C-alpha atoms as a PDB file:
ATOM      1  CA  MET A   1      -2.542  72.770  -7.005  1.00  0.00           C
ATOM      2  CA  SER A   2      -0.449  70.316  -5.022  1.00  0.00           C
ATOM      3  CA  THR A   3      -1.125  66.610  -5.035  1.00  0.00           C
ATOM      4  CA  LYS A   4      -2.348  65.029  -1.820  1.00  0.00           C
ATOM      5  CA  ASN A   5      -2.095  61.345  -1.012  1.00  0.00           C
ATOM      6  CA  VAL A   6      -4.185  58.764   0.772  1.00  0.00           C
ATOM      7  CA  ASP A   7      -2.627  55.481   1.837  1.00  0.00           C
ATOM      8  CA  TRP A   8      -5.251  53.053   0.605  1.00  0.00           C
ATOM      9  CA  TYR A   9      -8.436  53.151  -1.476  1.00  0.00           C
ATOM     10  CA  TYR A  10     -10.905  50.271  -1.723  1.00  0.00           C
ATOM     11  CA  ARG A  11     -13.475  50.684  -4.489  1.00  0.00           C
ATOM     12  CA  ARG A  12     -15.881  48.674  -6.585  1.00  0.00           C
ATOM     13  CA  SER A  13     -16.464  49.345 -10.275  1.00  0.00           C
ATOM     14  CA  GLY A  14     -20.124  49.893 -11.060  1.00  0.00           C
ATOM     15  CA  CYS A  15     -20.714  51.398  -7.606  1.00  0.00           C
ATOM     16  CA  ASN A  16     -22.364  54.834  -7.769  1.00  0.00           C
ATOM     17  CA  THR A  17     -20.958  55.854  -4.390  1.00  0.00           C
ATOM     18  CA  CYS A  18     -17.476  54.832  -5.560  1.00  0.00           C
ATOM     19  CA  LYS A  19     -17.938  56.996  -8.667  1.00  0.00           C
ATOM     20  CA  LYS A  20     -18.710  59.966  -6.392  1.00  0.00           C
ATOM     21  CA  MET A  21     -15.554  59.208  -4.408  1.00  0.00           C
ATOM     22  CA  ASP A  22     -13.510  58.965  -7.626  1.00  0.00           C
ATOM     23  CA  ALA A  23     -14.787  62.388  -8.718  1.00  0.00           C
ATOM     24  CA  PHE A  24     -14.053  63.881  -5.275  1.00  0.00           C
ATOM     25  CA  LEU A  25     -10.493  62.530  -5.280  1.00  0.00           C
ATOM     26  CA  GLU A  26      -9.868  63.837  -8.790  1.00  0.00           C
ATOM     27  CA  GLU A  27     -11.375  67.248  -8.056  1.00  0.00           C
ATOM     28  CA  HIS A  28      -9.123  67.680  -5.026  1.00  0.00           C
ATOM     29  CA  SER A  29      -5.993  66.169  -6.645  1.00  0.00           C
ATOM     30  CA  ILE A  30      -5.909  63.344  -4.106  1.00  0.00           C
ATOM     31  CA  VAL A  31      -3.958  60.298  -5.263  1.00  0.00           C
ATOM     32  CA  PRO A  32      -4.181  56.899  -3.549  1.00  0.00           C
ATOM     33  CA  LYS A  33      -0.818  55.220  -2.932  1.00  0.00           C
ATOM     34  CA  GLU A  34      -2.594  51.864  -3.306  1.00  0.00           C
ATOM     35  CA  THR A  35      -5.981  51.037  -4.847  1.00  0.00           C
ATOM     36  CA  LEU A  36      -7.700  47.717  -4.270  1.00  0.00           C
ATOM     37  CA  SER A  37     -10.635  46.542  -6.384  1.00  0.00           C
ATOM     38  CA  ALA A  38     -13.562  45.275  -4.334  1.00  0.00           C
ATOM     39  CA  ASN A  39     -14.638  43.338  -7.433  1.00  0.00           C
ATOM     40  CA  LYS A  40     -11.437  41.282  -7.377  1.00  0.00           C
ATOM     41  CA  THR A  41     -10.614  41.246  -3.658  1.00  0.00           C
ATOM     42  CA  ARG A  42     -13.638  40.858  -1.418  1.00  0.00           C
ATOM     43  CA  LEU A  43     -12.734  41.451   2.211  1.00  0.00           C
ATOM     44  CA  ASP A  44     -14.759  39.439   4.734  1.00  0.00           C
ATOM     45  CA  PRO A  45     -15.754  40.723   8.195  1.00  0.00           C
ATOM     46  CA  GLU A  46     -12.575  39.345   9.772  1.00  0.00           C
ATOM     47  CA  ALA A  47     -10.404  41.243   7.259  1.00  0.00           C
ATOM     48  CA  ALA A  48     -12.522  44.363   7.829  1.00  0.00           C
ATOM     49  CA  LEU A  49     -11.955  44.119  11.578  1.00  0.00           C
ATOM     50  CA  ASP A  50      -8.206  43.638  11.001  1.00  0.00           C
ATOM     51  CA  LEU A  51      -8.246  46.840   8.934  1.00  0.00           C
ATOM     52  CA  ALA A  52     -10.011  48.674  11.770  1.00  0.00           C
ATOM     53  CA  LYS A  53      -7.294  47.564  14.218  1.00  0.00           C
ATOM     54  CA  LYS A  54      -4.726  49.514  12.155  1.00  0.00           C
ATOM     55  CA  VAL A  55      -6.471  52.866  12.637  1.00  0.00           C
ATOM     56  CA  ASN A  56      -7.413  55.078  15.578  1.00  0.00           C
ATOM     57  CA  LYS A  57     -10.545  56.682  14.143  1.00  0.00           C
ATOM     58  CA  ILE A  58     -13.360  55.666  11.804  1.00  0.00           C
ATOM     59  CA  ILE A  59     -15.611  58.099   9.960  1.00  0.00           C
ATOM     60  CA  ALA A  60     -18.496  56.181   8.414  1.00  0.00           C
ATOM     61  CA  ALA A  61     -21.091  57.669   6.089  1.00  0.00           C
ATOM     62  CA  ARG A  62     -24.333  55.994   5.079  1.00  0.00           C
ATOM     63  CA  GLY A  63     -26.611  58.284   3.124  1.00  0.00           C
ATOM     64  CA  LYS A  64     -26.677  61.642   4.902  1.00  0.00           C
ATOM     65  CA  SER A  65     -25.785  60.062   8.235  1.00  0.00           C
ATOM     66  CA  VAL A  66     -22.159  60.307   9.382  1.00  0.00           C
ATOM     67  CA  VAL A  67     -20.792  58.574  12.471  1.00  0.00           C
ATOM     68  CA  GLU A  68     -17.318  59.198  13.859  1.00  0.00           C
ATOM     69  CA  PHE A  69     -15.758  57.132  16.612  1.00  0.00           C
ATOM     70  CA  LYS A  70     -12.423  56.004  18.019  1.00  0.00           C
ATOM     71  CA  THR A  71     -11.669  52.342  17.419  1.00  0.00           C
ATOM     72  CA  LYS A  72     -10.438  51.849  20.996  1.00  0.00           C
ATOM     73  CA  ASP A  73     -13.955  52.736  22.198  1.00  0.00           C
ATOM     74  CA  ALA A  74     -15.729  50.434  19.729  1.00  0.00           C
ATOM     75  CA  ASP A  75     -16.795  46.855  20.251  1.00  0.00           C
ATOM     76  CA  GLN A  76     -16.962  44.284  17.455  1.00  0.00           C
ATOM     77  CA  ALA A  77     -20.702  44.816  16.864  1.00  0.00           C
ATOM     78  CA  LEU A  78     -20.256  48.568  16.321  1.00  0.00           C
ATOM     79  CA  LEU A  79     -17.312  48.024  13.991  1.00  0.00           C
ATOM     80  CA  GLU A  80     -19.155  45.411  11.920  1.00  0.00           C
ATOM     81  CA  LYS A  81     -22.240  47.633  11.720  1.00  0.00           C
ATOM     82  CA  HIS A  82     -20.229  50.335   9.966  1.00  0.00           C
ATOM     83  CA  LEU A  83     -17.622  48.248   8.126  1.00  0.00           C
ATOM     84  CA  VAL A  84     -19.651  45.371   6.706  1.00  0.00           C
ATOM     85  CA  GLY A  85     -22.270  45.861   4.018  1.00  0.00           C
ATOM     86  CA  PRO A  86     -25.354  43.844   3.043  1.00  0.00           C
ATOM     87  CA  THR A  87     -23.206  41.361   1.096  1.00  0.00           C
ATOM     88  CA  GLY A  88     -21.358  40.413   4.284  1.00  0.00           C
ATOM     89  CA  LYS A  89     -18.131  41.955   2.948  1.00  0.00           C
ATOM     90  CA  LEU A  90     -16.302  45.245   3.581  1.00  0.00           C
ATOM     91  CA  ARG A  91     -18.368  48.187   2.344  1.00  0.00           C
ATOM     92  CA  SER A  92     -17.008  50.340  -0.429  1.00  0.00           C
ATOM     93  CA  PRO A  93     -15.668  52.911  -0.938  1.00  0.00           C
ATOM     94  CA  VAL A  94     -13.124  52.949   1.877  1.00  0.00           C
ATOM     95  CA  ILE A  95     -10.124  55.235   2.231  1.00  0.00           C
ATOM     96  CA  ARG A  96      -7.335  54.991   4.783  1.00  0.00           C
ATOM     97  CA  LYS A  97      -5.246  58.054   5.416  1.00  0.00           C
ATOM     98  CA  GLY A  98      -2.807  57.731   8.251  1.00  0.00           C
ATOM     99  CA  LYS A  99      -4.692  56.417  11.265  1.00  0.00           C
ATOM    100  CA  THR A 100      -8.172  57.365   9.967  1.00  0.00           C
ATOM    101  CA  LEU A 101     -10.542  55.174   7.977  1.00  0.00           C
ATOM    102  CA  TYR A 102     -13.231  56.848   5.857  1.00  0.00           C
ATOM    103  CA  ILE A 103     -16.109  54.532   4.899  1.00  0.00           C
ATOM    104  CA  GLY A 104     -18.790  55.484   2.393  1.00  0.00           C
ATOM    105  CA  PHE A 105     -19.096  58.912   0.830  1.00  0.00           C
ATOM    106  CA  ASN A 106     -20.062  62.202   2.430  1.00  0.00           C
ATOM    107  CA  GLU A 107     -18.306  65.280   1.101  1.00  0.00           C
ATOM    108  CA  GLU A 108     -18.314  67.122   4.440  1.00  0.00           C
ATOM    109  CA  ALA A 109     -16.931  64.087   6.260  1.00  0.00           C
ATOM    110  CA  LEU A 110     -14.123  63.859   3.705  1.00  0.00           C
ATOM    111  CA  GLU A 111     -13.015  67.424   4.359  1.00  0.00           C
ATOM    112  CA  GLY A 112     -10.138  66.046   6.470  1.00  0.00           C
ATOM    113  CA  LEU A 113      -8.616  64.527   3.343  1.00  0.00           C
ATOM    114  CA  VAL A 114      -8.478  67.957   1.741  1.00  0.00           C
ATOM    115  CA  THR A 115      -7.418  70.053   4.724  1.00  0.00           C
ATOM    116  CA  ARG A 116      -4.789  67.682   6.085  1.00  0.00           C
ATOM    117  CA  GLY A 117      -3.110  67.258   2.727  1.00  0.00           C
END
């Protein structure tokens, strides 16, 4: 099985959703080029919005709900709704691959990580 890469992975230790993401990445031989600990580096809403400006598309999962939208069509309120969690910081887990940002965990939504290699 070939190794696939993602550009950036933001995760928090002790986070059950992050553990699911870790298992998914391992199962599909996906290796982050850079991993950032949400425990050590907490990104505020401004940093989250800066991150969104670097991508074209956001796929955000919360529970069984998945929302996909283009960043050029999104206003600040929509971005913050999907990027910022109850702590007022960037939600975790977050993966950036190319110009797409994956927020939260939903296996079907993450299919693009597997199929695009």
